[in-house]
Amino acid sequence: MTADSNRPDGGTDRSHGAPRPTLPRRDVVRRLLTDRGSLIVVTGLGASAYDVAAAGDAPLDFPLWGAMGGAAMVGLGLALTQPSHPVVVVTGDGEMLMGLGSLATIGVERPANLRIVVLDNERFGETGNQRTHTASGVDLAAAARACGIADARTIDTIDEVERLRADLHDSTGPLLAVIKIGADPEPKALPPRDGPFLAHRLRSALLGQARGLEA
């Protein structure tokens, strides 16, 4: 399978001759987090953290600055301990590929309030834009369904993004959405980097200032 020369991002044609469209990542994340309410948002390292910060840093955001592959499991832990809050993990295809085993655990636990959004540009953006396995046809949504996450979808239109935004708040059962985005880089919008500060901020937002500082 070779790269499709008709695609500006150099992605792979996986649809029998028709190039798959891609969406602008910053617009996608901004739309998803509009009127976010009580969403807890966990991000993977790198570009997904910058995308969420560009949409507006918030106390219920928890960006990961390391531990590549761990975002979905951090989201699972928060979903299990905070069942009244919808938890959204925003990560990239490279990190999700590194943490594929997390999908099996999530499929077994089936937390009703966990949603995973994979921004799939088919690239390892933090290490030189090398092609990931999704550029060669690996289907993360199909892998999620095989692991027991029944609501797993691939998105490449804005209308689907808008439907997903509602589902982040309203759907039941774990959800995984792979959103096909372009590979063009965006300016960095850095969230806070201090780990203890981020942990205390999230605890305080969830538990109240006094209890958050004690935890």
C-alpha atoms as a PDB file:
ATOM      1  CA  MET A   1       0.000   0.000   0.000  1.00  0.00           C
ATOM      2  CA  THR A   2       1.481   3.374  -1.015  1.00  0.00           C
ATOM      3  CA  ALA A   3       0.841   6.979  -0.051  1.00  0.00           C
ATOM      4  CA  ASP A   4      -1.911   8.698  -2.015  1.00  0.00           C
ATOM      5  CA  SER A   5      -0.373  11.533  -4.033  1.00  0.00           C
ATOM      6  CA  ASN A   6      -3.729  13.337  -4.126  1.00  0.00           C
ATOM      7  CA  ARG A   7      -3.729  13.897  -0.371  1.00  0.00           C
ATOM      8  CA  PRO A   8      -2.020  17.093   0.811  1.00  0.00           C
ATOM      9  CA  ASP A   9      -0.982  15.424   4.071  1.00  0.00           C
ATOM     10  CA  GLY A  10       0.638  12.468   2.304  1.00  0.00           C
ATOM     11  CA  GLY A  11      -1.762  10.013   3.936  1.00  0.00           C
ATOM     12  CA  THR A  12      -2.651   6.591   2.641  1.00  0.00           C
ATOM     13  CA  ASP A  13      -5.609   5.804   0.414  1.00  0.00           C
ATOM     14  CA  ARG A  14      -7.463   2.996   2.186  1.00  0.00           C
ATOM     15  CA  SER A  15     -10.773   3.278   0.354  1.00  0.00           C
ATOM     16  CA  HIS A  16     -10.242   1.628  -3.038  1.00  0.00           C
ATOM     17  CA  GLY A  17      -9.224   4.673  -5.041  1.00  0.00           C
ATOM     18  CA  ALA A  18     -11.056   7.465  -3.192  1.00  0.00           C
ATOM     19  CA  PRO A  19      -8.825   9.630  -0.977  1.00  0.00           C
ATOM     20  CA  ARG A  20     -10.137   9.987   2.552  1.00  0.00           C
ATOM     21  CA  PRO A  21     -10.859  13.589   3.556  1.00  0.00           C
ATOM     22  CA  THR A  22      -9.234  15.083   6.633  1.00  0.00           C
ATOM     23  CA  LEU A  23     -10.334  17.763   9.101  1.00  0.00           C
ATOM     24  CA  PRO A  24      -8.452  20.663  10.740  1.00  0.00           C
ATOM     25  CA  ARG A  25      -7.435  19.486  14.213  1.00  0.00           C
ATOM     26  CA  ARG A  26      -7.808  22.783  16.080  1.00  0.00           C
ATOM     27  CA  ASP A  27     -11.310  23.357  14.720  1.00  0.00           C
ATOM     28  CA  VAL A  28     -12.301  19.804  15.625  1.00  0.00           C
ATOM     29  CA  VAL A  29     -11.146  20.134  19.239  1.00  0.00           C
ATOM     30  CA  ARG A  30     -12.665  23.598  19.611  1.00  0.00           C
ATOM     31  CA  ARG A  31     -16.022  22.278  18.429  1.00  0.00           C
ATOM     32  CA  LEU A  32     -15.874  19.253  20.731  1.00  0.00           C
ATOM     33  CA  LEU A  33     -15.140  21.406  23.799  1.00  0.00           C
ATOM     34  CA  THR A  34     -17.731  24.101  23.116  1.00  0.00           C
ATOM     35  CA  ASP A  35     -20.088  24.348  26.123  1.00  0.00           C
ATOM     36  CA  ARG A  36     -18.047  21.591  27.760  1.00  0.00           C
ATOM     37  CA  GLY A  37     -19.786  21.845  31.129  1.00  0.00           C
ATOM     38  CA  SER A  38     -18.428  19.255  33.577  1.00  0.00           C
ATOM     39  CA  LEU A  39     -16.235  17.333  31.125  1.00  0.00           C
ATOM     40  CA  ILE A  40     -12.968  16.110  32.595  1.00  0.00           C
ATOM     41  CA  VAL A  41     -10.458  16.220  29.737  1.00  0.00           C
ATOM     42  CA  VAL A  42      -7.303  14.103  29.804  1.00  0.00           C
ATOM     43  CA  THR A  43      -4.844  14.686  26.979  1.00  0.00           C
ATOM     44  CA  GLY A  44      -1.978  12.717  25.592  1.00  0.00           C
ATOM     45  CA  LEU A  45       1.410  14.329  25.339  1.00  0.00           C
ATOM     46  CA  GLY A  46       2.280  16.717  22.545  1.00  0.00           C
ATOM     47  CA  ALA A  47      -0.117  18.017  19.924  1.00  0.00           C
ATOM     48  CA  SER A  48      -3.348  16.825  21.556  1.00  0.00           C
ATOM     49  CA  ALA A  49      -2.432  18.753  24.724  1.00  0.00           C
ATOM     50  CA  TYR A  50      -1.715  21.846  22.647  1.00  0.00           C
ATOM     51  CA  ASP A  51      -5.055  21.490  20.833  1.00  0.00           C
ATOM     52  CA  VAL A  52      -6.996  21.380  24.101  1.00  0.00           C
ATOM     53  CA  ALA A  53      -5.022  24.315  25.524  1.00  0.00           C
ATOM     54  CA  ALA A  54      -5.749  26.321  22.363  1.00  0.00           C
ATOM     55  CA  ALA A  55      -9.454  25.716  22.947  1.00  0.00           C
ATOM     56  CA  GLY A  56      -9.080  27.205  26.446  1.00  0.00           C
ATOM     57  CA  ASP A  57      -7.225  25.808  29.461  1.00  0.00           C
ATOM     58  CA  ALA A  58      -9.613  24.783  32.262  1.00  0.00           C
ATOM     59  CA  PRO A  59      -9.336  23.399  35.819  1.00  0.00           C
ATOM     60  CA  LEU A  60     -10.837  20.080  34.699  1.00  0.00           C
ATOM     61  CA  ASP A  61      -8.079  19.600  32.115  1.00  0.00           C
ATOM     62  CA  PHE A  62      -5.307  17.120  32.888  1.00  0.00           C
ATOM     63  CA  PRO A  63      -2.605  17.207  30.190  1.00  0.00           C
ATOM     64  CA  LEU A  64       0.019  14.475  30.301  1.00  0.00           C
ATOM     65  CA  TRP A  65       3.535  15.681  29.592  1.00  0.00           C
ATOM     66  CA  GLY A  66       5.058  12.212  29.532  1.00  0.00           C
ATOM     67  CA  ALA A  67       4.110   8.543  29.892  1.00  0.00           C
ATOM     68  CA  MET A  68       3.273   8.094  26.224  1.00  0.00           C
ATOM     69  CA  GLY A  69       0.552   5.486  25.866  1.00  0.00           C
ATOM     70  CA  GLY A  70      -0.980   6.195  29.280  1.00  0.00           C
ATOM     71  CA  ALA A  71      -3.724   8.698  28.484  1.00  0.00           C
ATOM     72  CA  ALA A  72      -6.548   6.177  28.055  1.00  0.00           C
ATOM     73  CA  MET A  73      -5.694   4.423  31.330  1.00  0.00           C
ATOM     74  CA  VAL A  74      -5.544   7.726  33.238  1.00  0.00           C
ATOM     75  CA  GLY A  75      -8.952   8.483  31.764  1.00  0.00           C
ATOM     76  CA  LEU A  76     -10.220   5.067  32.834  1.00  0.00           C
ATOM     77  CA  GLY A  77      -9.097   5.664  36.412  1.00  0.00           C
ATOM     78  CA  LEU A  78     -10.833   9.037  36.536  1.00  0.00           C
ATOM     79  CA  ALA A  79     -13.988   7.621  34.957  1.00  0.00           C
ATOM     80  CA  LEU A  80     -14.198   4.847  37.552  1.00  0.00           C
ATOM     81  CA  THR A  81     -13.609   7.191  40.505  1.00  0.00           C
ATOM     82  CA  GLN A  82     -15.735  10.087  39.211  1.00  0.00           C
ATOM     83  CA  PRO A  83     -18.816   8.356  37.776  1.00  0.00           C
ATOM     84  CA  SER A  84     -20.905  11.547  37.830  1.00  0.00           C
ATOM     85  CA  HIS A  85     -18.511  13.297  35.409  1.00  0.00           C
ATOM     86  CA  PRO A  86     -18.083  12.478  31.736  1.00  0.00           C
ATOM     87  CA  VAL A  87     -14.381  11.876  31.088  1.00  0.00           C
ATOM     88  CA  VAL A  88     -12.939  12.591  27.651  1.00  0.00           C
ATOM     89  CA  VAL A  89      -9.479  11.434  26.615  1.00  0.00           C
ATOM     90  CA  VAL A  90      -8.063  13.431  23.693  1.00  0.00           C
ATOM     91  CA  THR A  91      -5.009  11.735  22.270  1.00  0.00           C
ATOM     92  CA  GLY A  92      -3.231  10.934  19.028  1.00  0.00           C
ATOM     93  CA  ASP A  93      -2.926   7.839  16.893  1.00  0.00           C
ATOM     94  CA  GLY A  94       0.721   7.303  17.869  1.00  0.00           C
ATOM     95  CA  GLU A  95      -0.083   7.229  21.573  1.00  0.00           C
ATOM     96  CA  MET A  96      -3.175   5.067  21.086  1.00  0.00           C
ATOM     97  CA  LEU A  97      -1.112   2.551  19.131  1.00  0.00           C
ATOM     98  CA  MET A  98       1.387   2.449  21.986  1.00  0.00           C
ATOM     99  CA  GLY A  99      -1.413   1.842  24.491  1.00  0.00           C
ATOM    100  CA  LEU A 100      -3.577  -0.611  22.534  1.00  0.00           C
ATOM    101  CA  GLY A 101      -3.809  -2.911  25.547  1.00  0.00           C
ATOM    102  CA  SER A 102      -5.771  -0.228  27.374  1.00  0.00           C
ATOM    103  CA  LEU A 103      -8.668  -0.769  24.971  1.00  0.00           C
ATOM    104  CA  ALA A 104      -9.022  -4.357  26.197  1.00  0.00           C
ATOM    105  CA  THR A 105      -9.180  -3.224  29.834  1.00  0.00           C
ATOM    106  CA  ILE A 106     -11.701  -0.499  28.997  1.00  0.00           C
ATOM    107  CA  GLY A 107     -13.760  -3.019  27.020  1.00  0.00           C
ATOM    108  CA  VAL A 108     -13.917  -5.266  30.086  1.00  0.00           C
ATOM    109  CA  GLU A 109     -14.627  -2.489  32.615  1.00  0.00           C
ATOM    110  CA  ARG A 110     -17.098  -0.651  30.315  1.00  0.00           C
ATOM    111  CA  PRO A 111     -17.268   2.638  32.235  1.00  0.00           C
ATOM    112  CA  ALA A 112     -20.403   4.410  31.042  1.00  0.00           C
ATOM    113  CA  ASN A 113     -18.830   7.864  31.350  1.00  0.00           C
ATOM    114  CA  LEU A 114     -15.578   7.356  29.387  1.00  0.00           C
ATOM    115  CA  ARG A 115     -15.052   8.667  25.870  1.00  0.00           C
ATOM    116  CA  ILE A 116     -11.795   8.439  23.912  1.00  0.00           C
ATOM    117  CA  VAL A 117     -11.130  10.792  21.006  1.00  0.00           C
ATOM    118  CA  VAL A 118      -8.174   9.821  18.804  1.00  0.00           C
ATOM    119  CA  LEU A 119      -6.888  12.620  16.559  1.00  0.00           C
ATOM    120  CA  ASP A 120      -5.476  10.516  13.743  1.00  0.00           C
ATOM    121  CA  ASN A 121      -3.074  12.308  11.395  1.00  0.00           C
ATOM    122  CA  GLU A 122      -1.207   9.065  10.654  1.00  0.00           C
ATOM    123  CA  ARG A 123       1.981  10.616  12.036  1.00  0.00           C
ATOM    124  CA  PHE A 124       4.277  10.587  15.080  1.00  0.00           C
ATOM    125  CA  GLY A 125       4.193  14.360  15.324  1.00  0.00           C
ATOM    126  CA  GLU A 126       6.567  14.729  18.279  1.00  0.00           C
ATOM    127  CA  THR A 127       9.448  12.737  16.823  1.00  0.00           C
ATOM    128  CA  GLY A 128       9.700  13.910  13.220  1.00  0.00           C
ATOM    129  CA  ASN A 129       6.331  13.216  11.556  1.00  0.00           C
ATOM    130  CA  GLN A 130       7.116   9.599  10.759  1.00  0.00           C
ATOM    131  CA  ARG A 131       4.141   7.617   9.454  1.00  0.00           C
ATOM    132  CA  THR A 132       2.231   5.562  12.011  1.00  0.00           C
ATOM    133  CA  HIS A 133       0.575   2.195  11.397  1.00  0.00           C
ATOM    134  CA  THR A 134      -2.769   3.879  10.679  1.00  0.00           C
ATOM    135  CA  ALA A 135      -1.156   5.222   7.498  1.00  0.00           C
ATOM    136  CA  SER A 136      -0.864   1.585   6.407  1.00  0.00           C
ATOM    137  CA  GLY A 137      -4.458   0.685   7.160  1.00  0.00           C
ATOM    138  CA  VAL A 138      -4.519  -0.201  10.867  1.00  0.00           C
ATOM    139  CA  ASP A 139      -8.090   0.497  12.007  1.00  0.00           C
ATOM    140  CA  LEU A 140      -8.210   1.698  15.616  1.00  0.00           C
ATOM    141  CA  ALA A 141     -12.013   1.775  15.697  1.00  0.00           C
ATOM    142  CA  ALA A 142     -12.171  -1.859  14.610  1.00  0.00           C
ATOM    143  CA  ALA A 143      -9.600  -2.760  17.265  1.00  0.00           C
ATOM    144  CA  ALA A 144     -11.734  -1.024  19.902  1.00  0.00           C
ATOM    145  CA  ARG A 145     -14.837  -2.938  18.817  1.00  0.00           C
ATOM    146  CA  ALA A 146     -12.894  -6.188  18.974  1.00  0.00           C
ATOM    147  CA  CYS A 147     -11.972  -5.277  22.567  1.00  0.00           C
ATOM    148  CA  GLY A 148     -15.628  -4.836  23.542  1.00  0.00           C
ATOM    149  CA  ILE A 149     -16.135  -1.096  22.980  1.00  0.00           C
ATOM    150  CA  ALA A 150     -19.282  -1.336  20.913  1.00  0.00           C
ATOM    151  CA  ASP A 151     -19.543   2.364  20.069  1.00  0.00           C
ATOM    152  CA  ALA A 152     -16.336   2.863  18.098  1.00  0.00           C
ATOM    153  CA  ARG A 153     -16.454   5.033  15.008  1.00  0.00           C
ATOM    154  CA  THR A 154     -14.223   6.728  12.442  1.00  0.00           C
ATOM    155  CA  ILE A 155     -15.076  10.351  11.652  1.00  0.00           C
ATOM    156  CA  ASP A 156     -14.087  12.505   8.702  1.00  0.00           C
ATOM    157  CA  THR A 157     -16.875  15.114   8.415  1.00  0.00           C
ATOM    158  CA  ILE A 158     -17.805  18.140  10.526  1.00  0.00           C
ATOM    159  CA  ASP A 159     -21.390  16.882  10.834  1.00  0.00           C
ATOM    160  CA  GLU A 160     -20.054  13.740  12.517  1.00  0.00           C
ATOM    161  CA  VAL A 161     -17.918  15.898  14.814  1.00  0.00           C
ATOM    162  CA  GLU A 162     -21.015  17.827  15.889  1.00  0.00           C
ATOM    163  CA  ARG A 163     -22.879  14.592  16.622  1.00  0.00           C
ATOM    164  CA  LEU A 164     -19.895  13.380  18.601  1.00  0.00           C
ATOM    165  CA  ARG A 165     -19.899  16.569  20.685  1.00  0.00           C
ATOM    166  CA  ALA A 166     -23.406  15.752  21.885  1.00  0.00           C
ATOM    167  CA  ASP A 167     -22.447  12.127  22.506  1.00  0.00           C
ATOM    168  CA  LEU A 168     -19.534  13.162  24.734  1.00  0.00           C
ATOM    169  CA  HIS A 169     -22.182  14.358  27.181  1.00  0.00           C
ATOM    170  CA  ASP A 170     -25.114  12.041  26.488  1.00  0.00           C
ATOM    171  CA  SER A 171     -24.025   8.590  25.357  1.00  0.00           C
ATOM    172  CA  THR A 172     -23.862   5.624  27.702  1.00  0.00           C
ATOM    173  CA  GLY A 173     -21.146   3.030  27.706  1.00  0.00           C
ATOM    174  CA  PRO A 174     -17.560   3.667  26.636  1.00  0.00           C
ATOM    175  CA  LEU A 175     -17.109   5.379  23.290  1.00  0.00           C
ATOM    176  CA  LEU A 176     -14.105   5.674  20.992  1.00  0.00           C
ATOM    177  CA  ALA A 177     -13.979   8.043  18.030  1.00  0.00           C
ATOM    178  CA  VAL A 178     -11.091   8.153  15.571  1.00  0.00           C
ATOM    179  CA  ILE A 179     -11.125  11.550  13.836  1.00  0.00           C
ATOM    180  CA  LYS A 180      -9.130  11.779  10.617  1.00  0.00           C
ATOM    181  CA  ILE A 181      -7.203  15.047  10.709  1.00  0.00           C
ATOM    182  CA  GLY A 182      -4.598  16.654   8.479  1.00  0.00           C
ATOM    183  CA  ALA A 183      -0.892  16.415   9.237  1.00  0.00           C
ATOM    184  CA  ASP A 184      -0.088  20.111   8.892  1.00  0.00           C
ATOM    185  CA  PRO A 185       1.508  21.407  12.121  1.00  0.00           C
ATOM    186  CA  GLU A 186      -0.224  23.987  14.297  1.00  0.00           C
ATOM    187  CA  PRO A 187       1.407  26.619  16.538  1.00  0.00           C
ATOM    188  CA  LYS A 188       2.074  25.299  20.025  1.00  0.00           C
ATOM    189  CA  ALA A 189      -0.377  26.416  22.713  1.00  0.00           C
ATOM    190  CA  LEU A 190       1.214  25.180  25.908  1.00  0.00           C
ATOM    191  CA  PRO A 191      -0.898  24.152  28.905  1.00  0.00           C
ATOM    192  CA  PRO A 192       0.614  24.327  32.412  1.00  0.00           C
ATOM    193  CA  ARG A 193       3.564  21.952  32.775  1.00  0.00           C
ATOM    194  CA  ASP A 194       3.876  21.577  36.552  1.00  0.00           C
ATOM    195  CA  GLY A 195       2.641  18.113  37.522  1.00  0.00           C
ATOM    196  CA  PRO A 196       1.776  18.802  41.183  1.00  0.00           C
ATOM    197  CA  PHE A 197      -0.056  21.989  40.171  1.00  0.00           C
ATOM    198  CA  LEU A 198      -2.122  20.125  37.572  1.00  0.00           C
ATOM    199  CA  ALA A 199      -2.969  17.343  40.038  1.00  0.00           C
ATOM    200  CA  HIS A 200      -3.993  19.774  42.815  1.00  0.00           C
ATOM    201  CA  ARG A 201      -5.973  21.892  40.362  1.00  0.00           C
ATOM    202  CA  LEU A 202      -7.960  18.898  39.154  1.00  0.00           C
ATOM    203  CA  ARG A 203      -8.540  17.594  42.687  1.00  0.00           C
ATOM    204  CA  SER A 204      -9.713  21.011  43.836  1.00  0.00           C
ATOM    205  CA  ALA A 205     -12.098  21.320  40.878  1.00  0.00           C
ATOM    206  CA  LEU A 206     -13.580  17.905  41.652  1.00  0.00           C
ATOM    207  CA  LEU A 207     -13.481  17.810  45.457  1.00  0.00           C
ATOM    208  CA  GLY A 208     -13.356  21.439  46.551  1.00  0.00           C
ATOM    209  CA  GLN A 209     -10.355  23.573  47.428  1.00  0.00           C
ATOM    210  CA  ALA A 210      -9.707  22.254  50.962  1.00  0.00           C
ATOM    211  CA  ARG A 211     -10.007  18.559  50.133  1.00  0.00           C
ATOM    212  CA  GLY A 212      -8.080  18.993  46.890  1.00  0.00           C
ATOM    213  CA  LEU A 213      -5.079  20.400  48.724  1.00  0.00           C
ATOM    214  CA  GLU A 214      -5.215  17.638  51.339  1.00  0.00           C
ATOM    215  CA  ALA A 215      -5.378  14.780  48.783  1.00  0.00           C
END
